[in-house]
C-alpha atoms as a PDB file:
ATOM      1  CA  MET A   1       0.000   0.000   0.000  1.00  0.00           C
ATOM      2  CA  ILE A   2       1.176   3.520  -0.779  1.00  0.00           C
ATOM      3  CA  GLY A   3       0.792   5.626   2.391  1.00  0.00           C
ATOM      4  CA  LYS A   4       2.564   8.863   1.495  1.00  0.00           C
ATOM      5  CA  LEU A   5       4.056  10.538  -1.547  1.00  0.00           C
ATOM      6  CA  THR A   6       6.524  13.421  -1.576  1.00  0.00           C
ATOM      7  CA  GLY A   7       7.641  15.035  -4.781  1.00  0.00           C
ATOM      8  CA  ARG A   8       6.971  17.645  -7.414  1.00  0.00           C
ATOM      9  CA  ALA A   9       3.359  17.975  -8.436  1.00  0.00           C
ATOM     10  CA  GLU A  10       1.635  19.356 -11.481  1.00  0.00           C
ATOM     11  CA  PRO A  11      -2.086  19.775 -12.145  1.00  0.00           C
ATOM     12  CA  ALA A  12      -3.720  17.158 -14.366  1.00  0.00           C
ATOM     13  CA  GLY A  13      -7.333  18.330 -14.045  1.00  0.00           C
ATOM     14  CA  GLU A  14      -9.638  20.068 -11.587  1.00  0.00           C
ATOM     15  CA  ARG A  15      -9.249  17.323  -8.972  1.00  0.00           C
ATOM     16  CA  GLN A  16      -6.198  15.468 -10.219  1.00  0.00           C
ATOM     17  CA  ILE A  17      -2.479  16.012 -10.041  1.00  0.00           C
ATOM     18  CA  ILE A  18       0.548  14.080 -11.163  1.00  0.00           C
ATOM     19  CA  MET A  19       3.094  13.540  -8.401  1.00  0.00           C
ATOM     20  CA  GLU A  20       6.584  12.820  -9.673  1.00  0.00           C
ATOM     21  CA  VAL A  21       8.395  10.669  -7.141  1.00  0.00           C
ATOM     22  CA  GLY A  22      11.698   9.029  -8.051  1.00  0.00           C
ATOM     23  CA  GLY A  23      11.093   9.453 -11.768  1.00  0.00           C
ATOM     24  CA  VAL A  24       7.611   7.903 -11.611  1.00  0.00           C
ATOM     25  CA  GLY A  25       4.492  10.029 -12.130  1.00  0.00           C
ATOM     26  CA  TYR A  26       1.526   9.002  -9.970  1.00  0.00           C
ATOM     27  CA  LEU A  27      -1.952  10.228 -10.914  1.00  0.00           C
ATOM     28  CA  VAL A  28      -3.585  11.264  -7.644  1.00  0.00           C
ATOM     29  CA  TYR A  29      -7.162  12.444  -7.057  1.00  0.00           C
ATOM     30  CA  VAL A  30      -7.089  15.443  -4.714  1.00  0.00           C
ATOM     31  CA  LEU A  31      -9.151  18.277  -3.275  1.00  0.00           C
ATOM     32  CA  PRO A  32      -9.341  21.479  -5.351  1.00  0.00           C
ATOM     33  CA  GLU A  33      -7.105  23.299  -2.825  1.00  0.00           C
ATOM     34  CA  THR A  34      -4.388  20.712  -3.425  1.00  0.00           C
ATOM     35  CA  THR A  35      -4.611  21.250  -7.176  1.00  0.00           C
ATOM     36  CA  ALA A  36      -3.958  24.941  -6.503  1.00  0.00           C
ATOM     37  CA  LEU A  37      -0.868  23.989  -4.440  1.00  0.00           C
ATOM     38  CA  ALA A  38       0.405  21.932  -7.364  1.00  0.00           C
ATOM     39  CA  ASN A  39       0.514  25.116  -9.462  1.00  0.00           C
ATOM     40  CA  THR A  40       3.208  26.604  -7.201  1.00  0.00           C
ATOM     41  CA  GLY A  41       5.913  24.216  -8.428  1.00  0.00           C
ATOM     42  CA  LYS A  42       7.040  23.469  -4.873  1.00  0.00           C
ATOM     43  CA  GLU A  43       7.574  19.985  -3.501  1.00  0.00           C
ATOM     44  CA  LEU A  44       4.413  18.547  -2.002  1.00  0.00           C
ATOM     45  CA  SER A  45       3.734  15.749   0.499  1.00  0.00           C
ATOM     46  CA  LEU A  46       0.440  13.874   0.435  1.00  0.00           C
ATOM     47  CA  PHE A  47      -1.022  11.201   2.687  1.00  0.00           C
ATOM     48  CA  THR A  48      -2.560   8.714   0.293  1.00  0.00           C
ATOM     49  CA  TYR A  49      -5.318   6.143   0.166  1.00  0.00           C
ATOM     50  CA  LEU A  50      -5.214   3.418  -2.474  1.00  0.00           C
ATOM     51  CA  VAL A  51      -8.530   2.209  -3.876  1.00  0.00           C
ATOM     52  CA  VAL A  52      -8.238  -1.182  -5.548  1.00  0.00           C
ATOM     53  CA  ARG A  53     -10.890  -1.995  -8.103  1.00  0.00           C
ATOM     54  CA  GLU A  54     -11.155  -4.773 -10.623  1.00  0.00           C
ATOM     55  CA  ASP A  55     -10.072  -2.527 -13.490  1.00  0.00           C
ATOM     56  CA  ALA A  56      -8.002   0.201 -11.769  1.00  0.00           C
ATOM     57  CA  LEU A  57      -5.802   1.267  -8.893  1.00  0.00           C
ATOM     58  CA  ASP A  58      -6.760   4.812  -7.859  1.00  0.00           C
ATOM     59  CA  LEU A  59      -4.776   6.990  -5.458  1.00  0.00           C
ATOM     60  CA  TYR A  60      -6.421   9.704  -3.380  1.00  0.00           C
ATOM     61  CA  GLY A  61      -4.126  12.252  -1.728  1.00  0.00           C
ATOM     62  CA  PHE A  62      -4.533  14.673   1.172  1.00  0.00           C
ATOM     63  CA  VAL A  63      -2.266  17.374   2.538  1.00  0.00           C
ATOM     64  CA  GLU A  64      -3.540  16.899   6.096  1.00  0.00           C
ATOM     65  CA  ARG A  65      -3.860  13.599   7.932  1.00  0.00           C
ATOM     66  CA  GLY A  66      -7.255  14.685   9.305  1.00  0.00           C
ATOM     67  CA  GLU A  67      -8.612  14.908   5.760  1.00  0.00           C
ATOM     68  CA  LEU A  68      -7.405  11.374   5.066  1.00  0.00           C
ATOM     69  CA  GLU A  69      -8.998  10.030   8.237  1.00  0.00           C
ATOM     70  CA  PHE A  70     -12.325  11.690   7.433  1.00  0.00           C
ATOM     71  CA  PHE A  71     -12.108  10.330   3.874  1.00  0.00           C
ATOM     72  CA  LYS A  72     -11.671   6.807   5.292  1.00  0.00           C
ATOM     73  CA  LEU A  73     -14.769   7.262   7.457  1.00  0.00           C
ATOM     74  CA  LEU A  74     -16.809   8.454   4.480  1.00  0.00           C
ATOM     75  CA  VAL A  75     -15.814   5.580   2.170  1.00  0.00           C
ATOM     76  CA  GLY A  76     -16.727   3.210   5.003  1.00  0.00           C
ATOM     77  CA  VAL A  77     -20.365   4.294   4.662  1.00  0.00           C
ATOM     78  CA  PRO A  78     -22.243   1.849   2.395  1.00  0.00           C
ATOM     79  CA  GLY A  79     -23.050   3.474  -0.939  1.00  0.00           C
ATOM     80  CA  ILE A  80     -20.451   6.252  -0.636  1.00  0.00           C
ATOM     81  CA  GLY A  81     -17.602   5.756  -3.062  1.00  0.00           C
ATOM     82  CA  PRO A  82     -14.226   7.493  -3.057  1.00  0.00           C
ATOM     83  CA  LYS A  83     -15.220  10.157  -5.612  1.00  0.00           C
ATOM     84  CA  SER A  84     -18.317  11.081  -3.572  1.00  0.00           C
ATOM     85  CA  ALA A  85     -16.226  11.148  -0.389  1.00  0.00           C
ATOM     86  CA  LEU A  86     -13.730  13.474  -2.085  1.00  0.00           C
ATOM     87  CA  ALA A  87     -16.582  15.740  -3.243  1.00  0.00           C
ATOM     88  CA  ILE A  88     -17.926  15.881   0.327  1.00  0.00           C
ATOM     89  CA  LEU A  89     -14.484  16.841   1.651  1.00  0.00           C
ATOM     90  CA  ALA A  90     -14.245  19.532  -1.023  1.00  0.00           C
ATOM     91  CA  LEU A  91     -17.409  21.056   0.449  1.00  0.00           C
ATOM     92  CA  ALA A  92     -15.832  22.103   3.768  1.00  0.00           C
ATOM     93  CA  PRO A  93     -12.965  21.355   6.160  1.00  0.00           C
ATOM     94  CA  PRO A  94     -13.307  18.154   8.221  1.00  0.00           C
ATOM     95  CA  ALA A  95     -14.144  20.118  11.386  1.00  0.00           C
ATOM     96  CA  THR A  96     -17.136  21.760   9.695  1.00  0.00           C
ATOM     97  CA  LEU A  97     -18.282  18.424   8.253  1.00  0.00           C
ATOM     98  CA  HIS A  98     -17.902  16.870  11.706  1.00  0.00           C
ATOM     99  CA  GLN A  99     -20.205  19.550  13.125  1.00  0.00           C
ATOM    100  CA  ALA A 100     -22.743  19.125  10.321  1.00  0.00           C
ATOM    101  CA  ILE A 101     -22.881  15.338  10.699  1.00  0.00           C
ATOM    102  CA  SER A 102     -22.940  15.397  14.498  1.00  0.00           C
ATOM    103  CA  SER A 103     -25.741  17.984  14.388  1.00  0.00           C
ATOM    104  CA  GLY A 104     -27.712  15.920  11.854  1.00  0.00           C
ATOM    105  CA  LYS A 105     -27.560  18.649   9.169  1.00  0.00           C
ATOM    106  CA  THR A 106     -28.353  16.476   6.155  1.00  0.00           C
ATOM    107  CA  ASP A 107     -29.185  19.533   4.032  1.00  0.00           C
ATOM    108  CA  TYR A 108     -25.537  20.585   4.294  1.00  0.00           C
ATOM    109  CA  LEU A 109     -24.369  17.314   2.737  1.00  0.00           C
ATOM    110  CA  THR A 110     -26.949  17.408  -0.066  1.00  0.00           C
ATOM    111  CA  ARG A 111     -25.053  20.367  -1.555  1.00  0.00           C
ATOM    112  CA  VAL A 112     -22.697  17.802  -3.048  1.00  0.00           C
ATOM    113  CA  SER A 113     -23.653  16.614  -6.515  1.00  0.00           C
ATOM    114  CA  GLY A 114     -24.758  12.982  -6.301  1.00  0.00           C
ATOM    115  CA  ILE A 115     -25.573  13.093  -2.582  1.00  0.00           C
ATOM    116  CA  GLY A 116     -29.327  13.081  -2.113  1.00  0.00           C
ATOM    117  CA  LYS A 117     -31.388  13.216   1.041  1.00  0.00           C
ATOM    118  CA  LYS A 118     -31.238   9.444   1.614  1.00  0.00           C
ATOM    119  CA  SER A 119     -27.461   9.281   1.158  1.00  0.00           C
ATOM    120  CA  ALA A 120     -26.996  12.260   3.482  1.00  0.00           C
ATOM    121  CA  GLU A 121     -29.197  10.600   6.110  1.00  0.00           C
ATOM    122  CA  LYS A 122     -27.186   7.397   5.768  1.00  0.00           C
ATOM    123  CA  ILE A 123     -23.917   9.327   6.278  1.00  0.00           C
ATOM    124  CA  VAL A 124     -25.298  11.016   9.399  1.00  0.00           C
ATOM    125  CA  LEU A 125     -26.661   7.727  10.764  1.00  0.00           C
ATOM    126  CA  GLU A 126     -23.430   5.792  10.117  1.00  0.00           C
ATOM    127  CA  LEU A 127     -20.955   8.442  11.278  1.00  0.00           C
ATOM    128  CA  ARG A 128     -22.701  10.274  14.104  1.00  0.00           C
ATOM    129  CA  ASP A 129     -21.609   7.714  16.723  1.00  0.00           C
ATOM    130  CA  LYS A 130     -18.155   7.253  15.200  1.00  0.00           C
ATOM    131  CA  LEU A 131     -17.487  10.982  15.339  1.00  0.00           C
ATOM    132  CA  GLY A 132     -18.642  11.273  18.920  1.00  0.00           C
ATOM    133  CA  LYS A 133     -20.177  14.296  20.541  1.00  0.00           C
ATOM    134  CA  VAL A 134     -20.022  17.658  18.819  1.00  0.00           C
ATOM    135  CA  ALA A 135     -16.833  19.272  19.992  1.00  0.00           C
ATOM    136  CA  THR A 136     -18.175  22.715  19.171  1.00  0.00           C
ATOM    137  CA  SER A 137     -21.591  24.184  19.558  1.00  0.00           C
ATOM    138  CA  GLU A 138     -24.368  24.613  17.034  1.00  0.00           C
ATOM    139  CA  GLU A 139     -23.666  28.342  17.190  1.00  0.00           C
ATOM    140  CA  SER A 140     -20.093  27.956  15.914  1.00  0.00           C
ATOM    141  CA  PHE A 141     -21.367  25.888  12.995  1.00  0.00           C
ATOM    142  CA  MET A 142     -23.797  28.666  12.102  1.00  0.00           C
ATOM    143  CA  ILE A 143     -21.037  31.285  12.399  1.00  0.00           C
ATOM    144  CA  GLU A 144     -18.908  29.310   9.946  1.00  0.00           C
ATOM    145  CA  GLU A 145     -21.866  29.001   7.557  1.00  0.00           C
ATOM    146  CA  ASP A 146     -22.708  32.711   7.833  1.00  0.00           C
ATOM    147  CA  THR A 147     -19.086  33.670   7.205  1.00  0.00           C
ATOM    148  CA  LEU A 148     -18.904  31.476   4.122  1.00  0.00           C
ATOM    149  CA  GLU A 149     -22.174  32.886   2.770  1.00  0.00           C
ATOM    150  CA  ALA A 150     -20.985  36.473   3.397  1.00  0.00           C
ATOM    151  CA  LEU A 151     -17.760  35.870   1.475  1.00  0.00           C
ATOM    152  CA  LYS A 152     -19.710  34.339  -1.397  1.00  0.00           C
ATOM    153  CA  ALA A 153     -22.052  37.372  -1.387  1.00  0.00           C
ATOM    154  CA  LEU A 154     -18.980  39.623  -1.670  1.00  0.00           C
ATOM    155  CA  GLY A 155     -18.092  37.867  -4.911  1.00  0.00           C
ATOM    156  CA  TYR A 156     -15.594  35.263  -3.768  1.00  0.00           C
ATOM    157  CA  GLY A 157     -15.904  31.720  -5.066  1.00  0.00           C
ATOM    158  CA  LEU A 158     -16.726  28.843  -2.751  1.00  0.00           C
ATOM    159  CA  ARG A 159     -13.249  27.356  -3.147  1.00  0.00           C
ATOM    160  CA  GLU A 160     -11.299  30.525  -2.341  1.00  0.00           C
ATOM    161  CA  ALA A 161     -13.665  31.401   0.536  1.00  0.00           C
ATOM    162  CA  ARG A 162     -13.141  27.933   2.041  1.00  0.00           C
ATOM    163  CA  GLU A 163      -9.366  28.198   1.631  1.00  0.00           C
ATOM    164  CA  ALA A 164      -9.330  31.543   3.417  1.00  0.00           C
ATOM    165  CA  LEU A 165     -11.522  30.234   6.251  1.00  0.00           C
ATOM    166  CA  ARG A 166      -9.070  27.390   6.815  1.00  0.00           C
ATOM    167  CA  GLU A 167      -6.416  29.994   7.635  1.00  0.00           C
ATOM    168  CA  VAL A 168      -8.589  32.085   9.981  1.00  0.00           C
ATOM    169  CA  PRO A 169      -7.487  31.535  13.591  1.00  0.00           C
ATOM    170  CA  ALA A 170      -9.883  29.313  15.543  1.00  0.00           C
ATOM    171  CA  GLU A 171      -9.948  31.723  18.479  1.00  0.00           C
ATOM    172  CA  LEU A 172     -11.935  34.220  16.374  1.00  0.00           C
ATOM    173  CA  LYS A 173     -15.492  33.249  17.285  1.00  0.00           C
ATOM    174  CA  ASP A 174     -17.563  36.196  15.997  1.00  0.00           C
ATOM    175  CA  THR A 175     -18.901  36.221  12.409  1.00  0.00           C
ATOM    176  CA  SER A 176     -17.692  39.760  11.695  1.00  0.00           C
ATOM    177  CA  GLU A 177     -14.208  38.982  13.076  1.00  0.00           C
ATOM    178  CA  ARG A 178     -13.995  35.860  10.919  1.00  0.00           C
ATOM    179  CA  ILE A 179     -15.136  37.783   7.825  1.00  0.00           C
ATOM    180  CA  LYS A 180     -12.544  40.536   8.421  1.00  0.00           C
ATOM    181  CA  ALA A 181      -9.758  37.986   8.919  1.00  0.00           C
ATOM    182  CA  ALA A 182     -10.792  36.040   5.813  1.00  0.00           C
ATOM    183  CA  LEU A 183     -10.930  39.236   3.730  1.00  0.00           C
ATOM    184  CA  LYS A 184      -7.442  40.130   4.903  1.00  0.00           C
ATOM    185  CA  ILE A 185      -6.182  36.685   3.881  1.00  0.00           C
ATOM    186  CA  LEU A 186      -7.955  36.925   0.519  1.00  0.00           C
ATOM    187  CA  SER A 187      -6.517  40.379  -0.192  1.00  0.00           C
ATOM    188  CA  GLN A 188      -2.990  39.170   0.582  1.00  0.00           C
ATOM    189  CA  SER A 189      -3.377  36.206  -1.771  1.00  0.00           C
ATOM    190  CA  LYS A 190      -4.385  38.541  -4.645  1.00  0.00           C
ATOM    191  CA  ARG A 191      -1.029  40.338  -4.521  1.00  0.00           C
END
């Protein structure tokens, strides 16, 4: 099994990169944020998950170990394949998904193409106990949602808004503080 790859990466599609490791190029399915990192030309390390099928060996790569662990939980849900799990992880950071699932917010998961109400309910049912109690309150989930919606209303895309929110310090609990911090991060990335 391939557990980690480190090497130069180049984009190969919206959710694919080619990782060159020791002269071998591995096609790896990744989150959109990782594809953006591949554009920088810097060396990249990814925790990987190998999916063995009858007709293919597919690698899925994640910058953070927490993303990989959440991916493993999602593919463990009957009816949720690796591409759907990757699409769910592209929706929000694992902490936000944890809150949504623990709170039973199936409507949050149905935003993913191919995940209907029944699939979302199955994910919540299967993972709620595995994820344990909600580490953060319902209010913090709503603050994160409101911040994301505000950034989208200001004209930022879902992907860049999510990337900025990942960098906002966790100690900022107020919606307006989180928006200001995210806008600062977004303005610095435009330079």
